[in-house]
Amino acid sequence: MTRRRRTEAETNVSRSMVIMLAGTCVLAANTHAAEITGKLSPPERVTSVSAVDRGAKRTFDATYDRTTGKYRLANLPTGTYDILLETAAGRIEGVDLKVEETAPAAKRLSVTPADLDKDEIAGVVDLLTKLCTERKAERPQGAPDALVACVRENAVTVVSLVKGKPLTAGAQMFKVPLRDQEPARIGEALLGLVSLTKVRDQLPRDFDLIVALTQGGPGEISVLPVSPGMTEKDREWIVNWVNQLKIFENKKRVLDLDGTGDRARVLVLKVRDEPTTLPTQEPTAFWRIEILDFKKYYGGWSSEKSTVVVREQVPIRKFRTYKWMFEKRLGGIRAAEGAVSVVPDYNVPETLDATRGLVPY
């Protein structure tokens, strides 16, 4: 049996179907792709925008409008990206220092204010309202619906008056402009409430204290635990640990760090610009940027792993001309399938911050 040869018309139809199917596949893939958008100001300081997925080792160029400062990266594979800016002042490179917050161990606690507490709370609210008025700060229209005090490391750090239900999307928070010893005085009054002293052993180190304010006077007092943040002592310990490292490089410096009470990510610059026994044609600089991950065990910090962000071996004459700053606000952008990730607006500096990267020397 002989096979019938396809006519030219049939061949063209088949080719058209293949092209249409391929286009449909691309369209379907793009429909579910991720997208990142953001805005830079002033826009004229930026010449180009891109994003890098360091895990996949892939870089994608953004469309950038130098008039509005808006940029867009479309059809991205899902992943975590760092934004890269080429600016008149030099390169600004995003780095991911984000640490996943651990759930607080303590549970929410609610108590009813004692009779003595009601007068104390009313006095604190009157004082806070007066301070807002005297210092020309924004304050709620009419009586506030709640008072929120941020307690960190067992001390009040920020106090706000609230209109609406606290910690909800529709609530309006009015931060009270406290000065000098005023946070300590307010903290002494609030944390000394009779109803709270009775449950003192149940209070976490870090929490938000919420006092409902009704027409009949102070209502329920709630203690909402939050994940503990890094203390200044934590930061000093980590920086000191890095400074004491014995490494091949003759210079090392912490550029930035971020973290919680039990996890931290630290950005470190390491440079070797002294002579070595390695064969090179001219004086050479060996340098790298690393992210060190730390975790706290039983009250002490331990280095878990390191991730290289940039590593180069370049002539010293070239290295000394570098203008390169690393910016955590442009790093760790999560891009999810079918979603648009909006990067917070970024103000592009006129000159680079030498403490967070490299400048000519």
Foldseek 3Di string as FASTA:
>chain_A
DDDDDDDPVVVVVVVVVVVVVVVVVVVVLQLFAWKEKEFEPPLQFFDFKWKAQVVVRDIGGWDADSHGRMIMDGRHHFGWIFMWTQGPQAIETEAAWDDDFDDDPAAKDKWWADPVLQVLVVVLQVVLVVQCVVVVFDDDDPAFFKKKFWAAQNFTDWIWTWHDDPPDPPIDTTTRDDDDCVSRVSSCSVCVGPRNVVCVVRADRTWMWMWGADPVTIGMIMTGHDFAADDPVNVVVVQVVQVPDDDPAPDKAWLDKGDGHFKIKTKMKGKHQDDDPDDDPARKMWIWIKIWIWGDDPRRIDTDDIDTDDTDIGHPVVQLAHQYFYDNLRGGFGIGTSYYTYRYYYYDDPHHDPSGDHHHD
